[in-house]
Amino acid sequence: MIAITPIAKAHLVHVQAHASHPDIGATSNVPSPYPEDGAAQWFRAISERVAAGQSQVFAVTFDQAVCGVIALNAINREIGSAQLDYWIAVPFQRKGIATRAAALAISQARSSFEARELLSSCLMTNTASARVLERNGFVEYARERIETGKFQRHELRRFRLHSP
């Protein structure tokens, strides 16, 4: 069974272990190499955004095992929008977990702040992530070359989901 549950300190040992895999950092904004206290640093940072109502962050579980993170970031309750971000641990990839977790997060966004538009993005080379988004009704609306940062010179695909 796939579920999402609000992220808690108890999940951090699993976040630390899974986010440390170089493949996670290769396609996401997760740092690579992942710092020894990366999960704790990340949790402190996201806790402030969650408390301010700017983010909702969830542990993704498969048969009760923590296997990733999914988040609604940059929440704007006034216009009903947010950014969907996620990663799934390498041993759990290609099992439909991300697709189902995204569906659960979309449902959460609609029920908790009446989301009317969700945005997401992935690297052009991350076809699995693009499929997750498309299976959940997201439509690609732009491509752009990244000019700075970790993925400089890579192409980014931007996706949008509008609620009826």
Protein backbone atom coordinates (compact mmCIF):
# COMPACT_ATOMS: atom_id res chain seq x y z
CA MET A 1 0.00 0.00 0.00
CA ILE A 2 1.28 3.45 -0.96
CA ALA A 3 0.58 6.37 1.39
CA ILE A 4 1.81 9.85 2.20
CA THR A 5 2.09 11.08 5.76
CA PRO A 6 3.29 14.45 7.11
CA ILE A 7 7.05 14.34 7.47
CA ALA A 8 8.28 13.84 11.04
CA LYS A 9 11.60 13.45 12.81
CA ALA A 10 11.05 9.68 12.88
CA HIS A 11 11.32 9.64 9.07
CA LEU A 12 14.71 11.37 8.96
CA VAL A 13 16.85 8.27 9.35
CA HIS A 14 15.25 6.90 6.17
CA VAL A 15 15.46 10.25 4.36
CA GLN A 16 19.16 10.41 5.23
CA ALA A 17 19.82 6.88 3.98
CA HIS A 18 17.86 7.20 0.73
CA ALA A 19 18.83 10.79 -0.16
CA SER A 20 22.50 9.84 0.18
CA HIS A 21 22.29 7.67 -2.93
CA PRO A 22 24.01 9.58 -5.78
CA ASP A 23 21.17 8.80 -8.21
CA ILE A 24 18.77 10.92 -6.14
CA GLY A 25 20.99 13.99 -6.39
CA ALA A 26 21.61 13.35 -10.09
CA THR A 27 18.04 14.33 -11.05
CA SER A 28 16.80 16.46 -8.15
CA ASN A 29 17.80 19.44 -6.07
CA VAL A 30 18.92 17.09 -3.30
CA PRO A 31 22.64 17.83 -2.70
CA SER A 32 25.12 15.26 -3.90
CA PRO A 33 27.14 14.17 -2.10
CA TYR A 34 24.52 14.35 0.63
CA PRO A 35 25.84 15.83 3.89
CA GLU A 36 26.07 13.55 6.94
CA ASP A 37 23.42 15.69 8.65
CA GLY A 38 21.57 16.54 5.45
CA ALA A 39 18.20 15.20 6.57
CA ALA A 40 18.35 17.13 9.84
CA GLN A 41 19.33 20.36 8.05
CA TRP A 42 16.57 19.86 5.49
CA PHE A 43 13.99 19.12 8.21
CA ARG A 44 14.83 22.35 10.06
CA ALA A 45 14.47 24.36 6.86
CA ILE A 46 11.19 22.80 5.76
CA SER A 47 9.70 22.94 9.27
CA GLU A 48 9.74 26.74 9.07
CA ARG A 49 7.97 26.72 5.69
CA VAL A 50 5.43 24.14 6.90
CA ALA A 51 4.70 26.20 10.04
CA ALA A 52 4.21 29.30 7.87
CA GLY A 53 1.76 27.44 5.61
CA GLN A 54 4.09 27.76 2.62
CA SER A 55 4.72 24.02 2.24
CA GLN A 56 3.20 20.65 3.01
CA VAL A 57 5.83 17.91 3.10
CA PHE A 58 5.16 14.19 3.27
CA ALA A 59 7.05 10.95 3.66
CA VAL A 60 6.07 8.51 0.94
CA THR A 61 5.59 4.99 2.29
CA PHE A 62 5.22 1.66 0.55
CA ASP A 63 3.94 -1.10 2.84
CA GLN A 64 4.87 1.23 5.72
CA ALA A 65 8.51 1.56 4.61
CA VAL A 66 9.65 5.14 3.99
CA CYS A 67 10.67 5.27 0.35
CA GLY A 68 10.71 8.94 -0.58
CA VAL A 69 9.51 12.47 -0.07
CA ILE A 70 6.80 14.47 -1.82
CA ALA A 71 6.02 18.11 -1.16
CA LEU A 72 3.68 20.90 -2.07
CA ASN A 73 5.94 23.97 -2.03
CA ALA A 74 5.43 27.67 -2.70
CA ILE A 75 1.80 27.33 -1.63
CA ASN A 76 -0.25 30.40 -2.52
CA ARG A 77 -3.64 29.95 -0.90
CA GLU A 78 -4.96 33.20 -2.38
CA ILE A 79 -4.71 31.96 -5.96
CA GLY A 80 -4.74 28.23 -5.14
CA SER A 81 -1.35 27.25 -6.50
CA ALA A 82 1.68 25.23 -5.43
CA GLN A 83 4.78 23.50 -6.75
CA LEU A 84 4.85 19.68 -6.62
CA ASP A 85 8.31 18.28 -5.86
CA TYR A 86 9.29 14.69 -5.08
CA TRP A 87 11.90 11.97 -5.13
CA ILE A 88 11.61 8.22 -4.64
CA ALA A 89 14.45 6.06 -3.28
CA VAL A 90 16.31 4.04 -5.89
CA PRO A 91 15.17 0.56 -4.72
CA PHE A 92 11.54 1.71 -4.96
CA GLN A 93 11.66 3.35 -8.38
CA ARG A 94 9.74 2.05 -11.41
CA LYS A 95 7.02 0.46 -9.27
CA GLY A 96 4.29 3.09 -9.70
CA ILE A 97 4.96 4.55 -6.26
CA ALA A 98 5.73 8.08 -7.47
CA THR A 99 2.63 8.12 -9.68
CA ARG A 100 0.37 7.12 -6.78
CA ALA A 101 2.12 9.44 -4.31
CA ALA A 102 1.66 12.34 -6.73
CA ALA A 103 -2.05 11.53 -7.02
CA LEU A 104 -2.33 11.55 -3.23
CA ALA A 105 -0.48 14.88 -2.98
CA ILE A 106 -2.72 16.39 -5.67
CA SER A 107 -5.78 15.27 -3.71
CA GLN A 108 -4.28 16.77 -0.55
CA ALA A 109 -3.68 20.08 -2.34
CA ARG A 110 -7.25 20.20 -3.58
CA SER A 111 -8.75 19.40 -0.18
CA SER A 112 -6.47 21.46 2.06
CA PHE A 113 -6.21 24.71 0.10
CA GLU A 114 -8.47 24.24 -2.91
CA ALA A 115 -5.58 24.11 -5.36
CA ARG A 116 -6.53 25.20 -8.84
CA GLU A 117 -3.07 25.01 -10.37
CA LEU A 118 -0.07 22.87 -9.59
CA LEU A 119 3.30 23.29 -11.23
CA SER A 120 6.21 20.89 -11.43
CA SER A 121 9.36 20.40 -13.45
CA CYS A 122 11.99 17.83 -14.28
CA LEU A 123 15.15 17.57 -16.27
CA MET A 124 14.67 16.69 -19.92
CA THR A 125 16.64 13.50 -19.28
CA ASN A 126 14.33 12.41 -16.43
CA THR A 127 11.70 10.68 -18.54
CA ALA A 128 10.38 8.66 -15.58
CA SER A 129 9.48 11.83 -13.71
CA ALA A 130 7.83 13.29 -16.80
CA ARG A 131 5.70 10.12 -17.08
CA VAL A 132 4.64 10.44 -13.41
CA LEU A 133 3.45 13.98 -14.07
CA GLU A 134 1.70 13.16 -17.34
CA ARG A 135 -0.09 10.17 -15.77
CA ASN A 136 -1.48 12.59 -13.21
CA GLY A 137 -2.80 15.02 -15.81
CA PHE A 138 0.09 17.49 -15.94
CA VAL A 139 0.78 19.04 -19.33
CA GLU A 140 4.16 20.32 -20.44
CA TYR A 141 4.00 24.06 -21.13
CA ALA A 142 7.64 25.12 -21.47
CA ARG A 143 11.21 24.02 -21.88
CA GLU A 144 14.16 26.10 -20.86
CA ARG A 145 17.89 25.86 -20.56
CA ILE A 146 19.12 26.18 -16.99
CA GLU A 147 21.70 28.96 -16.83
CA THR A 148 23.02 28.66 -13.26
CA GLY A 149 23.42 26.22 -10.41
CA LYS A 150 23.75 22.49 -10.14
CA PHE A 151 22.11 21.74 -13.50
CA GLN A 152 23.64 24.55 -15.52
CA ARG A 153 23.37 23.87 -19.27
CA HIS A 154 20.71 21.16 -18.79
CA GLU A 155 17.24 21.48 -20.28
CA LEU A 156 14.26 21.70 -17.91
CA ARG A 157 10.69 20.69 -18.73
CA ARG A 158 7.95 22.66 -16.96
CA PHE A 159 4.53 21.12 -16.31
CA ARG A 160 1.17 22.47 -15.18
CA LEU A 161 -1.99 20.85 -13.85
CA HIS A 162 -5.21 22.86 -13.84
CA SER A 163 -8.15 21.74 -11.75
CA PRO A 164 -11.58 21.90 -13.32
